[in-house]
Amino acid sequence: MMFMAGAAIGYVFGTKAGRERFEQIKRLSQQVSENPNVQEAAGKLRAKGEEFAGAAREKAAHRKEGVPEQGHRTAEEQPPVYPG
């Protein structure tokens, strides 16, 4: 996803600012993404996101337990629908 966003931005910058400017921006973004501080921050954010996703998954499972099961009806058992 991030690659696609970077590619789109790169395309726009590349067409407007010329190839040289595009290469400069590309080098800068690569330097930033390879920076150990950025890598560390990204790892922390990823871990926090996984933690939140796990908590949300757990909450959803608990809430699902409290919801009564819906019976499945055949087409003949469905109540009539009147347009209106």
C-alpha atoms as a PDB file:
ATOM      1  CA  MET A   1       0.000   0.000   0.000  1.00  0.00           C
ATOM      2  CA  MET A   2       2.733   2.418   0.994  1.00  0.00           C
ATOM      3  CA  PHE A   3       4.650   1.482  -2.143  1.00  0.00           C
ATOM      4  CA  MET A   4       1.664   2.341  -4.330  1.00  0.00           C
ATOM      5  CA  ALA A   5       1.218   5.715  -2.616  1.00  0.00           C
ATOM      6  CA  GLY A   6       4.923   6.422  -3.024  1.00  0.00           C
ATOM      7  CA  ALA A   7       4.784   5.412  -6.656  1.00  0.00           C
ATOM      8  CA  ALA A   8       1.820   7.713  -7.324  1.00  0.00           C
ATOM      9  CA  ILE A   9       3.472  10.649  -5.587  1.00  0.00           C
ATOM     10  CA  GLY A  10       6.703   9.887  -7.390  1.00  0.00           C
ATOM     11  CA  TYR A  11       4.924   9.866 -10.725  1.00  0.00           C
ATOM     12  CA  VAL A  12       3.339  13.250 -10.097  1.00  0.00           C
ATOM     13  CA  PHE A  13       6.577  14.775  -8.883  1.00  0.00           C
ATOM     14  CA  GLY A  14       8.497  13.138 -11.699  1.00  0.00           C
ATOM     15  CA  THR A  15       6.275  14.552 -14.398  1.00  0.00           C
ATOM     16  CA  LYS A  16       6.107  18.047 -12.894  1.00  0.00           C
ATOM     17  CA  ALA A  17       9.601  18.556 -11.560  1.00  0.00           C
ATOM     18  CA  GLY A  18      11.526  16.542 -14.097  1.00  0.00           C
ATOM     19  CA  ARG A  19      13.501  13.370 -13.839  1.00  0.00           C
ATOM     20  CA  GLU A  20      16.378  14.871 -11.844  1.00  0.00           C
ATOM     21  CA  ARG A  21      14.105  16.178  -9.112  1.00  0.00           C
ATOM     22  CA  PHE A  22      12.275  12.847  -9.051  1.00  0.00           C
ATOM     23  CA  GLU A  23      15.560  11.003  -8.479  1.00  0.00           C
ATOM     24  CA  GLN A  24      16.476  13.443  -5.705  1.00  0.00           C
ATOM     25  CA  ILE A  25      13.139  12.872  -3.962  1.00  0.00           C
ATOM     26  CA  LYS A  26      13.470   9.122  -4.426  1.00  0.00           C
ATOM     27  CA  ARG A  27      16.945   9.104  -2.828  1.00  0.00           C
ATOM     28  CA  LEU A  28      15.725  11.209   0.082  1.00  0.00           C
ATOM     29  CA  SER A  29      12.718   8.955   0.725  1.00  0.00           C
ATOM     30  CA  GLN A  30      14.970   5.900   0.604  1.00  0.00           C
ATOM     31  CA  GLN A  31      17.359   7.486   3.112  1.00  0.00           C
ATOM     32  CA  VAL A  32      14.471   8.296   5.436  1.00  0.00           C
ATOM     33  CA  SER A  33      12.987   4.798   5.195  1.00  0.00           C
ATOM     34  CA  GLU A  34      16.396   3.219   5.914  1.00  0.00           C
ATOM     35  CA  ASN A  35      17.041   5.462   8.932  1.00  0.00           C
ATOM     36  CA  PRO A  36      17.294   3.331  12.107  1.00  0.00           C
ATOM     37  CA  ASN A  37      15.121   5.781  14.065  1.00  0.00           C
ATOM     38  CA  VAL A  38      12.400   5.577  11.424  1.00  0.00           C
ATOM     39  CA  GLN A  39      12.695   1.772  11.352  1.00  0.00           C
ATOM     40  CA  GLU A  40      12.355   1.651  15.140  1.00  0.00           C
ATOM     41  CA  ALA A  41       9.323   3.960  15.133  1.00  0.00           C
ATOM     42  CA  ALA A  42       7.689   1.916  12.368  1.00  0.00           C
ATOM     43  CA  GLY A  43       8.267  -1.265  14.366  1.00  0.00           C
ATOM     44  CA  LYS A  44       6.691   0.272  17.463  1.00  0.00           C
ATOM     45  CA  LEU A  45       3.686   1.489  15.465  1.00  0.00           C
ATOM     46  CA  ARG A  46       3.287  -1.923  13.839  1.00  0.00           C
ATOM     47  CA  ALA A  47       3.393  -3.647  17.252  1.00  0.00           C
ATOM     48  CA  LYS A  48       0.863  -1.181  18.695  1.00  0.00           C
ATOM     49  CA  GLY A  49      -1.412  -1.723  15.698  1.00  0.00           C
ATOM     50  CA  GLU A  50      -1.231  -5.485  16.169  1.00  0.00           C
ATOM     51  CA  GLU A  51      -2.020  -5.017  19.862  1.00  0.00           C
ATOM     52  CA  PHE A  52      -5.090  -2.893  19.053  1.00  0.00           C
ATOM     53  CA  ALA A  53      -6.224  -5.339  16.378  1.00  0.00           C
ATOM     54  CA  GLY A  54      -5.953  -8.225  18.837  1.00  0.00           C
ATOM     55  CA  ALA A  55      -7.956  -6.336  21.440  1.00  0.00           C
ATOM     56  CA  ALA A  56     -10.623  -5.471  18.858  1.00  0.00           C
ATOM     57  CA  ARG A  57     -10.755  -9.092  17.695  1.00  0.00           C
ATOM     58  CA  GLU A  58     -11.194 -10.241  21.299  1.00  0.00           C
ATOM     59  CA  LYS A  59     -13.947  -7.680  21.967  1.00  0.00           C
ATOM     60  CA  ALA A  60     -15.768  -8.677  18.795  1.00  0.00           C
ATOM     61  CA  ALA A  61     -15.625 -12.352  19.787  1.00  0.00           C
ATOM     62  CA  HIS A  62     -17.099 -11.563  23.216  1.00  0.00           C
ATOM     63  CA  ARG A  63     -19.870  -9.454  21.728  1.00  0.00           C
ATOM     64  CA  LYS A  64     -20.671 -12.146  19.194  1.00  0.00           C
ATOM     65  CA  GLU A  65     -21.271 -14.595  22.057  1.00  0.00           C
ATOM     66  CA  GLY A  66     -24.082 -12.380  23.363  1.00  0.00           C
ATOM     67  CA  VAL A  67     -25.906 -12.120  20.038  1.00  0.00           C
ATOM     68  CA  PRO A  68     -28.653 -14.700  19.507  1.00  0.00           C
ATOM     69  CA  GLU A  69     -28.218 -16.940  16.501  1.00  0.00           C
ATOM     70  CA  GLN A  70     -30.381 -15.995  13.536  1.00  0.00           C
ATOM     71  CA  GLY A  71     -32.368 -18.772  11.949  1.00  0.00           C
ATOM     72  CA  HIS A  72     -32.056 -19.159   8.204  1.00  0.00           C
ATOM     73  CA  ARG A  73     -35.284 -18.965   6.229  1.00  0.00           C
ATOM     74  CA  THR A  74     -35.943 -20.471   2.856  1.00  0.00           C
ATOM     75  CA  ALA A  75     -37.329 -18.276   0.082  1.00  0.00           C
ATOM     76  CA  GLU A  76     -40.837 -19.558   0.812  1.00  0.00           C
ATOM     77  CA  GLU A  77     -40.528 -18.629   4.497  1.00  0.00           C
ATOM     78  CA  GLN A  78     -39.471 -15.034   3.815  1.00  0.00           C
ATOM     79  CA  PRO A  79     -42.124 -12.432   4.601  1.00  0.00           C
ATOM     80  CA  PRO A  80     -43.535 -10.681   1.518  1.00  0.00           C
ATOM     81  CA  VAL A  81     -41.904  -7.446   0.451  1.00  0.00           C
ATOM     82  CA  TYR A  82     -44.124  -4.725  -0.923  1.00  0.00           C
ATOM     83  CA  PRO A  83     -42.509  -1.930  -2.912  1.00  0.00           C
ATOM     84  CA  GLY A  84     -43.451   1.376  -1.738  1.00  0.00           C
END
